[in-house]
Amino acid sequence: MPDLKFEDAVLNLAPGQTVLAALEAAGVPVESSCRAGACQTCVLQLNEGEVPAIAQAGLSAAAKAQGLFMSCVCTPEGPLTVAPAGAARSRVEAE
């Protein structure tokens, strides 16, 4: 079973379980309106690992290059470390 790291949470995914479903089952708050028809609201940022191509289907080339993916359709085959979308940018210090 793949491990999933998101902020302080470290989870094991059941076979076929999506990243979003695992986070929700663990009580980890993740923004999503997927079931209400607002696609791409569950986008997360990949820090380590690989996501299946379907998890980036429909995203722009720039979004893919930033490691963004849709957690509602992402069923990883290996360990992932992920963060909220834009988390890397929010930690950059300016002078």
PDB file of N, CA and C in Angstrom:
ATOM      1  N   MET A   1       0.838  -1.182   0.000  1.00  0.00           N
ATOM      2  CA  MET A   1       0.000   0.000   0.000  1.00  0.00           C
ATOM      3  C   MET A   1       0.883   1.246   0.000  1.00  0.00           C
ATOM      4  N   PRO A   2       0.566   2.185  -0.854  1.00  0.00           N
ATOM      5  CA  PRO A   2       1.377   3.415  -0.897  1.00  0.00           C
ATOM      6  C   PRO A   2       1.179   4.259   0.349  1.00  0.00           C
ATOM      7  N   ASP A   3       2.214   4.931   0.732  1.00  0.00           N
ATOM      8  CA  ASP A   3       2.128   5.894   1.820  1.00  0.00           C
ATOM      9  C   ASP A   3       1.829   7.256   1.222  1.00  0.00           C
ATOM     10  N   LEU A   4       1.097   8.039   1.950  1.00  0.00           N
ATOM     11  CA  LEU A   4       0.756   9.391   1.531  1.00  0.00           C
ATOM     12  C   LEU A   4       1.134  10.334   2.658  1.00  0.00           C
ATOM     13  N   LYS A   5       1.924  11.332   2.347  1.00  0.00           N
ATOM     14  CA  LYS A   5       2.282  12.351   3.322  1.00  0.00           C
ATOM     15  C   LYS A   5       1.678  13.674   2.874  1.00  0.00           C
ATOM     16  N   PHE A   6       0.911  14.299   3.761  1.00  0.00           N
ATOM     17  CA  PHE A   6       0.282  15.594   3.504  1.00  0.00           C
ATOM     18  C   PHE A   6       0.380  16.394   4.783  1.00  0.00           C
ATOM     19  N   GLU A   7       1.195  17.437   4.755  1.00  0.00           N
ATOM     20  CA  GLU A   7       1.452  18.241   5.938  1.00  0.00           C
ATOM     21  C   GLU A   7       1.868  17.326   7.092  1.00  0.00           C
ATOM     22  N   ASP A   8       1.125  17.260   8.194  1.00  0.00           N
ATOM     23  CA  ASP A   8       1.506  16.428   9.330  1.00  0.00           C
ATOM     24  C   ASP A   8       0.924  15.016   9.271  1.00  0.00           C
ATOM     25  N   ALA A   9       0.097  14.734   8.264  1.00  0.00           N
ATOM     26  CA  ALA A   9      -0.561  13.427   8.167  1.00  0.00           C
ATOM     27  C   ALA A   9       0.273  12.455   7.336  1.00  0.00           C
ATOM     28  N   VAL A  10       0.400  11.229   7.836  1.00  0.00           N
ATOM     29  CA  VAL A  10       1.030  10.143   7.091  1.00  0.00           C
ATOM     30  C   VAL A  10       0.010   9.016   7.056  1.00  0.00           C
ATOM     31  N   LEU A  11      -0.419   8.659   5.845  1.00  0.00           N
ATOM     32  CA  LEU A  11      -1.514   7.702   5.684  1.00  0.00           C
ATOM     33  C   LEU A  11      -1.113   6.543   4.787  1.00  0.00           C
ATOM     34  N   ASN A  12      -1.788   5.418   4.978  1.00  0.00           N
ATOM     35  CA  ASN A  12      -1.684   4.299   4.054  1.00  0.00           C
ATOM     36  C   ASN A  12      -2.954   4.280   3.224  1.00  0.00           C
ATOM     37  N   LEU A  13      -2.810   4.162   1.924  1.00  0.00           N
ATOM     38  CA  LEU A  13      -3.961   4.106   1.039  1.00  0.00           C
ATOM     39  C   LEU A  13      -4.354   2.657   0.801  1.00  0.00           C
ATOM     40  N   ALA A  14      -5.637   2.405   0.775  1.00  0.00           N
ATOM     41  CA  ALA A  14      -6.150   1.090   0.392  1.00  0.00           C
ATOM     42  C   ALA A  14      -6.007   0.957  -1.123  1.00  0.00           C
ATOM     43  N   PRO A  15      -5.895  -0.248  -1.632  1.00  0.00           N
ATOM     44  CA  PRO A  15      -5.810  -0.418  -3.087  1.00  0.00           C
ATOM     45  C   PRO A  15      -6.986   0.261  -3.796  1.00  0.00           C
ATOM     46  N   GLY A  16      -6.679   1.065  -4.787  1.00  0.00           N
ATOM     47  CA  GLY A  16      -7.709   1.759  -5.550  1.00  0.00           C
ATOM     48  C   GLY A  16      -8.255   3.011  -4.904  1.00  0.00           C
ATOM     49  N   GLN A  17      -7.806   3.343  -3.708  1.00  0.00           N
ATOM     50  CA  GLN A  17      -8.302   4.527  -3.008  1.00  0.00           C
ATOM     51  C   GLN A  17      -7.625   5.776  -3.553  1.00  0.00           C
ATOM     52  N   THR A  18      -8.397   6.829  -3.751  1.00  0.00           N
ATOM     53  CA  THR A  18      -7.832   8.082  -4.240  1.00  0.00           C
ATOM     54  C   THR A  18      -7.194   8.860  -3.095  1.00  0.00           C
ATOM     55  N   VAL A  19      -6.345   9.777  -3.463  1.00  0.00           N
ATOM     56  CA  VAL A  19      -5.703  10.647  -2.472  1.00  0.00           C
ATOM     57  C   VAL A  19      -6.765  11.433  -1.709  1.00  0.00           C
ATOM     58  N   LEU A  20      -7.736  11.985  -2.412  1.00  0.00           N
ATOM     59  CA  LEU A  20      -8.787  12.764  -1.753  1.00  0.00           C
ATOM     60  C   LEU A  20      -9.584  11.901  -0.783  1.00  0.00           C
ATOM     61  N   ALA A  21      -9.968  10.700  -1.191  1.00  0.00           N
ATOM     62  CA  ALA A  21     -10.752   9.811  -0.321  1.00  0.00           C
ATOM     63  C   ALA A  21      -9.965   9.446   0.932  1.00  0.00           C
ATOM     64  N   ALA A  22      -8.670   9.191   0.788  1.00  0.00           N
ATOM     65  CA  ALA A  22      -7.843   8.846   1.952  1.00  0.00           C
ATOM     66  C   ALA A  22      -7.744  10.017   2.918  1.00  0.00           C
ATOM     67  N   LEU A  23      -7.546  11.210   2.389  1.00  0.00           N
ATOM     68  CA  LEU A  23      -7.448  12.386   3.247  1.00  0.00           C
ATOM     69  C   LEU A  23      -8.768  12.649   3.966  1.00  0.00           C
ATOM     70  N   GLU A  24      -9.876  12.561   3.235  1.00  0.00           N
ATOM     71  CA  GLU A  24     -11.191  12.771   3.849  1.00  0.00           C
ATOM     72  C   GLU A  24     -11.475  11.723   4.922  1.00  0.00           C
ATOM     73  N   ALA A  25     -11.137  10.454   4.646  1.00  0.00           N
ATOM     74  CA  ALA A  25     -11.379   9.374   5.609  1.00  0.00           C
ATOM     75  C   ALA A  25     -10.577   9.584   6.895  1.00  0.00           C
ATOM     76  N   ALA A  26      -9.418  10.207   6.771  1.00  0.00           N
ATOM     77  CA  ALA A  26      -8.571  10.472   7.933  1.00  0.00           C
ATOM     78  C   ALA A  26      -8.947  11.775   8.641  1.00  0.00           C
ATOM     79  N   GLY A  27      -9.947  12.471   8.122  1.00  0.00           N
ATOM     80  CA  GLY A  27     -10.372  13.721   8.740  1.00  0.00           C
ATOM     81  C   GLY A  27      -9.484  14.899   8.435  1.00  0.00           C
ATOM     82  N   VAL A  28      -8.656  14.760   7.391  1.00  0.00           N
ATOM     83  CA  VAL A  28      -7.767  15.857   6.996  1.00  0.00           C
ATOM     84  C   VAL A  28      -8.555  16.802   6.095  1.00  0.00           C
ATOM     85  N   PRO A  29      -8.686  18.065   6.470  1.00  0.00           N
ATOM     86  CA  PRO A  29      -9.464  18.991   5.654  1.00  0.00           C
ATOM     87  C   PRO A  29      -8.742  19.346   4.347  1.00  0.00           C
ATOM     88  N   VAL A  30      -9.407  19.066   3.235  1.00  0.00           N
ATOM     89  CA  VAL A  30      -8.894  19.398   1.912  1.00  0.00           C
ATOM     90  C   VAL A  30     -10.038  20.047   1.148  1.00  0.00           C
ATOM     91  N   GLU A  31      -9.769  21.180   0.551  1.00  0.00           N
ATOM     92  CA  GLU A  31     -10.803  21.859  -0.217  1.00  0.00           C
ATOM     93  C   GLU A  31     -11.185  20.998  -1.412  1.00  0.00           C
ATOM     94  N   SER A  32     -12.474  20.789  -1.582  1.00  0.00           N
ATOM     95  CA  SER A  32     -12.957  20.074  -2.766  1.00  0.00           C
ATOM     96  C   SER A  32     -14.448  20.320  -2.936  1.00  0.00           C
ATOM     97  N   SER A  33     -14.821  20.523  -4.161  1.00  0.00           N
ATOM     98  CA  SER A  33     -16.232  20.636  -4.516  1.00  0.00           C
ATOM     99  C   SER A  33     -16.511  19.729  -5.704  1.00  0.00           C
ATOM    100  N   CYS A  34     -15.714  18.679  -5.806  1.00  0.00           N
ATOM    101  CA  CYS A  34     -15.804  17.750  -6.931  1.00  0.00           C
ATOM    102  C   CYS A  34     -17.216  17.196  -7.097  1.00  0.00           C
ATOM    103  N   ARG A  35     -17.790  16.774  -6.005  1.00  0.00           N
ATOM    104  CA  ARG A  35     -19.110  16.141  -6.071  1.00  0.00           C
ATOM    105  C   ARG A  35     -20.224  17.155  -6.338  1.00  0.00           C
ATOM    106  N   ALA A  36     -19.899  18.438  -6.244  1.00  0.00           N
ATOM    107  CA  ALA A  36     -20.871  19.493  -6.525  1.00  0.00           C
ATOM    108  C   ALA A  36     -20.676  20.057  -7.930  1.00  0.00           C
ATOM    109  N   GLY A  37     -19.762  19.464  -8.697  1.00  0.00           N
ATOM    110  CA  GLY A  37     -19.561  19.873 -10.078  1.00  0.00           C
ATOM    111  C   GLY A  37     -18.523  20.950 -10.302  1.00  0.00           C
ATOM    112  N   ALA A  38     -17.745  21.298  -9.302  1.00  0.00           N
ATOM    113  CA  ALA A  38     -16.697  22.316  -9.452  1.00  0.00           C
ATOM    114  C   ALA A  38     -15.354  21.608  -9.609  1.00  0.00           C
ATOM    115  N   CYS A  39     -15.044  21.231 -10.837  1.00  0.00           N
ATOM    116  CA  CYS A  39     -13.835  20.467 -11.124  1.00  0.00           C
ATOM    117  C   CYS A  39     -12.577  21.288 -10.842  1.00  0.00           C
ATOM    118  N   GLN A  40     -11.545  20.588 -10.418  1.00  0.00           N
ATOM    119  CA  GLN A  40     -10.216  21.103 -10.123  1.00  0.00           C
ATOM    120  C   GLN A  40     -10.144  21.871  -8.802  1.00  0.00           C
ATOM    121  N   THR A  41     -11.155  21.737  -7.950  1.00  0.00           N
ATOM    122  CA  THR A  41     -11.080  22.376  -6.646  1.00  0.00           C
ATOM    123  C   THR A  41     -10.245  21.561  -5.662  1.00  0.00           C
ATOM    124  N   CYS A  42      -9.990  20.301  -5.990  1.00  0.00           N
ATOM    125  CA  CYS A  42      -9.240  19.413  -5.099  1.00  0.00           C
ATOM    126  C   CYS A  42      -7.765  19.324  -5.488  1.00  0.00           C
ATOM    127  N   VAL A  43      -7.301  20.254  -6.295  1.00  0.00           N
ATOM    128  CA  VAL A  43      -5.926  20.209  -6.794  1.00  0.00           C
ATOM    129  C   VAL A  43      -4.934  20.337  -5.643  1.00  0.00           C
ATOM    130  N   LEU A  44      -3.951  19.435  -5.649  1.00  0.00           N
ATOM    131  CA  LEU A  44      -2.855  19.457  -4.687  1.00  0.00           C
ATOM    132  C   LEU A  44      -1.548  19.555  -5.454  1.00  0.00           C
ATOM    133  N   GLN A  45      -0.469  19.769  -4.741  1.00  0.00           N
ATOM    134  CA  GLN A  45       0.844  19.896  -5.365  1.00  0.00           C
ATOM    135  C   GLN A  45       1.716  18.712  -4.957  1.00  0.00           C
ATOM    136  N   LEU A  46       2.306  18.067  -5.939  1.00  0.00           N
ATOM    137  CA  LEU A  46       3.187  16.932  -5.715  1.00  0.00           C
ATOM    138  C   LEU A  46       4.574  17.423  -5.337  1.00  0.00           C
ATOM    139  N   ASN A  47       5.092  16.944  -4.217  1.00  0.00           N
ATOM    140  CA  ASN A  47       6.451  17.276  -3.800  1.00  0.00           C
ATOM    141  C   ASN A  47       7.414  16.129  -4.078  1.00  0.00           C
ATOM    142  N   GLU A  48       6.954  14.892  -3.887  1.00  0.00           N
ATOM    143  CA  GLU A  48       7.762  13.700  -4.156  1.00  0.00           C
ATOM    144  C   GLU A  48       6.860  12.589  -4.642  1.00  0.00           C
ATOM    145  N   GLY A  49       7.387  11.774  -5.560  1.00  0.00           N
ATOM    146  CA  GLY A  49       6.644  10.639  -6.078  1.00  0.00           C
ATOM    147  C   GLY A  49       6.142  10.896  -7.479  1.00  0.00           C
ATOM    148  N   GLU A  50       5.256  10.022  -7.945  1.00  0.00           N
ATOM    149  CA  GLU A  50       4.664  10.149  -9.276  1.00  0.00           C
ATOM    150  C   GLU A  50       3.164   9.945  -9.190  1.00  0.00           C
ATOM    151  N   VAL A  51       2.442  10.737  -9.965  1.00  0.00           N
ATOM    152  CA  VAL A  51       0.998  10.573 -10.043  1.00  0.00           C
ATOM    153  C   VAL A  51       0.647  10.009 -11.412  1.00  0.00           C
ATOM    154  N   PRO A  52      -0.442   9.239 -11.522  1.00  0.00           N
ATOM    155  CA  PRO A  52      -0.851   8.729 -12.824  1.00  0.00           C
ATOM    156  C   PRO A  52      -1.273   9.880 -13.740  1.00  0.00           C
ATOM    157  N   ALA A  53      -1.112   9.699 -15.035  1.00  0.00           N
ATOM    158  CA  ALA A  53      -1.426  10.743 -16.016  1.00  0.00           C
ATOM    159  C   ALA A  53      -2.853  11.257 -15.883  1.00  0.00           C
ATOM    160  N   ILE A  54      -3.793  10.391 -15.547  1.00  0.00           N
ATOM    161  CA  ILE A  54      -5.190  10.823 -15.435  1.00  0.00           C
ATOM    162  C   ILE A  54      -5.364  11.899 -14.362  1.00  0.00           C
ATOM    163  N   ALA A  55      -4.498  11.913 -13.371  1.00  0.00           N
ATOM    164  CA  ALA A  55      -4.598  12.898 -12.289  1.00  0.00           C
ATOM    165  C   ALA A  55      -4.233  14.301 -12.760  1.00  0.00           C
ATOM    166  N   GLN A  56      -3.605  14.400 -13.941  1.00  0.00           N
ATOM    167  CA  GLN A  56      -3.248  15.712 -14.490  1.00  0.00           C
ATOM    168  C   GLN A  56      -3.986  16.006 -15.796  1.00  0.00           C
ATOM    169  N   ALA A  57      -4.894  15.129 -16.186  1.00  0.00           N
ATOM    170  CA  ALA A  57      -5.658  15.337 -17.418  1.00  0.00           C
ATOM    171  C   ALA A  57      -6.468  16.623 -17.324  1.00  0.00           C
ATOM    172  N   GLY A  58      -6.378  17.448 -18.336  1.00  0.00           N
ATOM    173  CA  GLY A  58      -7.131  18.694 -18.373  1.00  0.00           C
ATOM    174  C   GLY A  58      -6.430  19.874 -17.725  1.00  0.00           C
ATOM    175  N   LEU A  59      -5.324  19.647 -17.061  1.00  0.00           N
ATOM    176  CA  LEU A  59      -4.581  20.753 -16.465  1.00  0.00           C
ATOM    177  C   LEU A  59      -3.665  21.378 -17.508  1.00  0.00           C
ATOM    178  N   SER A  60      -3.360  22.642 -17.349  1.00  0.00           N
ATOM    179  CA  SER A  60      -2.467  23.330 -18.283  1.00  0.00           C
ATOM    180  C   SER A  60      -1.049  22.792 -18.150  1.00  0.00           C
ATOM    181  N   ALA A  61      -0.240  23.040 -19.159  1.00  0.00           N
ATOM    182  CA  ALA A  61       1.164  22.624 -19.119  1.00  0.00           C
ATOM    183  C   ALA A  61       1.879  23.268 -17.938  1.00  0.00           C
ATOM    184  N   ALA A  62       1.541  24.515 -17.643  1.00  0.00           N
ATOM    185  CA  ALA A  62       2.164  25.217 -16.522  1.00  0.00           C
ATOM    186  C   ALA A  62       1.791  24.555 -15.193  1.00  0.00           C
ATOM    187  N   ALA A  63       0.528  24.163 -15.054  1.00  0.00           N
ATOM    188  CA  ALA A  63       0.085  23.499 -13.827  1.00  0.00           C
ATOM    189  C   ALA A  63       0.782  22.153 -13.663  1.00  0.00           C
ATOM    190  N   LYS A  64       0.904  21.420 -14.752  1.00  0.00           N
ATOM    191  CA  LYS A  64       1.595  20.127 -14.712  1.00  0.00           C
ATOM    192  C   LYS A  64       3.060  20.317 -14.331  1.00  0.00           C
ATOM    193  N   ALA A  65       3.690  21.352 -14.881  1.00  0.00           N
ATOM    194  CA  ALA A  65       5.100  21.617 -14.591  1.00  0.00           C
ATOM    195  C   ALA A  65       5.304  21.965 -13.111  1.00  0.00           C
ATOM    196  N   GLN A  66       4.283  22.524 -12.475  1.00  0.00           N
ATOM    197  CA  GLN A  66       4.351  22.865 -11.048  1.00  0.00           C
ATOM    198  C   GLN A  66       4.052  21.658 -10.163  1.00  0.00           C
ATOM    199  N   GLY A  67       3.699  20.532 -10.790  1.00  0.00           N
ATOM    200  CA  GLY A  67       3.392  19.326 -10.025  1.00  0.00           C
ATOM    201  C   GLY A  67       1.975  19.272  -9.501  1.00  0.00           C
ATOM    202  N   LEU A  68       1.088  20.086 -10.055  1.00  0.00           N
ATOM    203  CA  LEU A  68      -0.298  20.072  -9.601  1.00  0.00           C
ATOM    204  C   LEU A  68      -1.020  18.851 -10.158  1.00  0.00           C
ATOM    205  N   PHE A  69      -1.977  18.337  -9.382  1.00  0.00           N
ATOM    206  CA  PHE A  69      -2.765  17.187  -9.822  1.00  0.00           C
ATOM    207  C   PHE A  69      -4.106  17.192  -9.099  1.00  0.00           C
ATOM    208  N   MET A  70      -5.080  16.498  -9.678  1.00  0.00           N
ATOM    209  CA  MET A  70      -6.411  16.410  -9.082  1.00  0.00           C
ATOM    210  C   MET A  70      -6.447  15.198  -8.155  1.00  0.00           C
ATOM    211  N   SER A  71      -6.616  15.456  -6.880  1.00  0.00           N
ATOM    212  CA  SER A  71      -6.565  14.390  -5.887  1.00  0.00           C
ATOM    213  C   SER A  71      -7.761  13.443  -5.950  1.00  0.00           C
ATOM    214  N   CYS A  72      -8.870  13.882  -6.549  1.00  0.00           N
ATOM    215  CA  CYS A  72     -10.081  13.055  -6.595  1.00  0.00           C
ATOM    216  C   CYS A  72      -9.958  11.880  -7.561  1.00  0.00           C
ATOM    217  N   VAL A  73      -9.028  11.945  -8.493  1.00  0.00           N
ATOM    218  CA  VAL A  73      -8.843  10.857  -9.457  1.00  0.00           C
ATOM    219  C   VAL A  73      -7.455  10.240  -9.363  1.00  0.00           C
ATOM    220  N   CYS A  74      -6.687  10.641  -8.384  1.00  0.00           N
ATOM    221  CA  CYS A  74      -5.316  10.160  -8.242  1.00  0.00           C
ATOM    222  C   CYS A  74      -5.271   8.908  -7.374  1.00  0.00           C
ATOM    223  N   THR A  75      -5.012   7.773  -7.997  1.00  0.00           N
ATOM    224  CA  THR A  75      -4.791   6.521  -7.274  1.00  0.00           C
ATOM    225  C   THR A  75      -3.332   6.138  -7.505  1.00  0.00           C
ATOM    226  N   PRO A  76      -2.445   6.566  -6.628  1.00  0.00           N
ATOM    227  CA  PRO A  76      -1.009   6.375  -6.836  1.00  0.00           C
ATOM    228  C   PRO A  76      -0.584   4.916  -6.715  1.00  0.00           C
ATOM    229  N   GLU A  77       0.515   4.609  -7.373  1.00  0.00           N
ATOM    230  CA  GLU A  77       1.073   3.264  -7.303  1.00  0.00           C
ATOM    231  C   GLU A  77       2.306   3.213  -6.401  1.00  0.00           C
ATOM    232  N   GLY A  78       2.713   4.338  -5.874  1.00  0.00           N
ATOM    233  CA  GLY A  78       3.871   4.404  -4.995  1.00  0.00           C
ATOM    234  C   GLY A  78       3.693   5.530  -3.995  1.00  0.00           C
ATOM    235  N   PRO A  79       4.677   5.721  -3.132  1.00  0.00           N
ATOM    236  CA  PRO A  79       4.584   6.755  -2.104  1.00  0.00           C
ATOM    237  C   PRO A  79       4.510   8.164  -2.695  1.00  0.00           C
ATOM    238  N   LEU A  80       3.735   9.023  -2.041  1.00  0.00           N
ATOM    239  CA  LEU A  80       3.595  10.421  -2.461  1.00  0.00           C
ATOM    240  C   LEU A  80       3.780  11.340  -1.259  1.00  0.00           C
ATOM    241  N   THR A  81       4.391  12.462  -1.511  1.00  0.00           N
ATOM    242  CA  THR A  81       4.404  13.565  -0.563  1.00  0.00           C
ATOM    243  C   THR A  81       3.752  14.731  -1.281  1.00  0.00           C
ATOM    244  N   VAL A  82       2.671  15.237  -0.715  1.00  0.00           N
ATOM    245  CA  VAL A  82       1.897  16.281  -1.373  1.00  0.00           C
ATOM    246  C   VAL A  82       1.650  17.441  -0.414  1.00  0.00           C
ATOM    247  N   ALA A  83       1.224  18.559  -0.981  1.00  0.00           N
ATOM    248  CA  ALA A  83       0.943  19.763  -0.208  1.00  0.00           C
ATOM    249  C   ALA A  83      -0.233  20.488  -0.857  1.00  0.00           C
ATOM    250  N   PRO A  84      -0.828  21.435  -0.146  1.00  0.00           N
ATOM    251  CA  PRO A  84      -1.860  22.246  -0.780  1.00  0.00           C
ATOM    252  C   PRO A  84      -1.284  22.947  -2.011  1.00  0.00           C
ATOM    253  N   ALA A  85      -2.092  23.154  -3.014  1.00  0.00           N
ATOM    254  CA  ALA A  85      -1.636  23.834  -4.227  1.00  0.00           C
ATOM    255  C   ALA A  85      -1.102  25.210  -3.877  1.00  0.00           C
ATOM    256  N   GLY A  86       0.076  25.526  -4.389  1.00  0.00           N
ATOM    257  CA  GLY A  86       0.683  26.819  -4.134  1.00  0.00           C
ATOM    258  C   GLY A  86       1.451  26.902  -2.839  1.00  0.00           C
ATOM    259  N   ALA A  87       1.560  25.800  -2.102  1.00  0.00           N
ATOM    260  CA  ALA A  87       2.250  25.831  -0.807  1.00  0.00           C
ATOM    261  C   ALA A  87       3.710  26.232  -0.950  1.00  0.00           C
ATOM    262  N   ALA A  88       4.359  25.788  -2.006  1.00  0.00           N
ATOM    263  CA  ALA A  88       5.776  26.121  -2.192  1.00  0.00           C
ATOM    264  C   ALA A  88       5.946  27.626  -2.389  1.00  0.00           C
ATOM    265  N   ARG A  89       5.033  28.240  -3.126  1.00  0.00           N
ATOM    266  CA  ARG A  89       5.126  29.680  -3.354  1.00  0.00           C
ATOM    267  C   ARG A  89       4.852  30.464  -2.087  1.00  0.00           C
ATOM    268  N   SER A  90       3.974  29.960  -1.234  1.00  0.00           N
ATOM    269  CA  SER A  90       3.624  30.716  -0.042  1.00  0.00           C
ATOM    270  C   SER A  90       4.735  30.716   0.997  1.00  0.00           C
ATOM    271  N   ARG A  91       5.736  29.857   0.844  1.00  0.00           N
ATOM    272  CA  ARG A  91       6.837  29.797   1.794  1.00  0.00           C
ATOM    273  C   ARG A  91       8.059  30.556   1.332  1.00  0.00           C
ATOM    274  N   VAL A  92       8.004  31.211   0.184  1.00  0.00           N
ATOM    275  CA  VAL A  92       9.146  31.944  -0.337  1.00  0.00           C
ATOM    276  C   VAL A  92       9.247  33.292   0.344  1.00  0.00           C
ATOM    277  N   GLU A  93      10.419  33.597   0.897  1.00  0.00           N
ATOM    278  CA  GLU A  93      10.600  34.873   1.575  1.00  0.00           C
ATOM    279  C   GLU A  93      11.048  35.929   0.569  1.00  0.00           C
ATOM    280  N   ALA A  94      10.552  37.103   0.743  1.00  0.00           N
ATOM    281  CA  ALA A  94      10.896  38.221  -0.134  1.00  0.00           C
ATOM    282  C   ALA A  94      11.806  39.186   0.609  1.00  0.00           C
ATOM    283  N   GLU A  95      12.602  39.897  -0.140  1.00  0.00           N
ATOM    284  CA  GLU A  95      13.462  40.915   0.449  1.00  0.00           C
ATOM    285  C   GLU A  95      13.148  42.266  -0.143  1.00  0.00           C
TER     286      GLU A  95
END
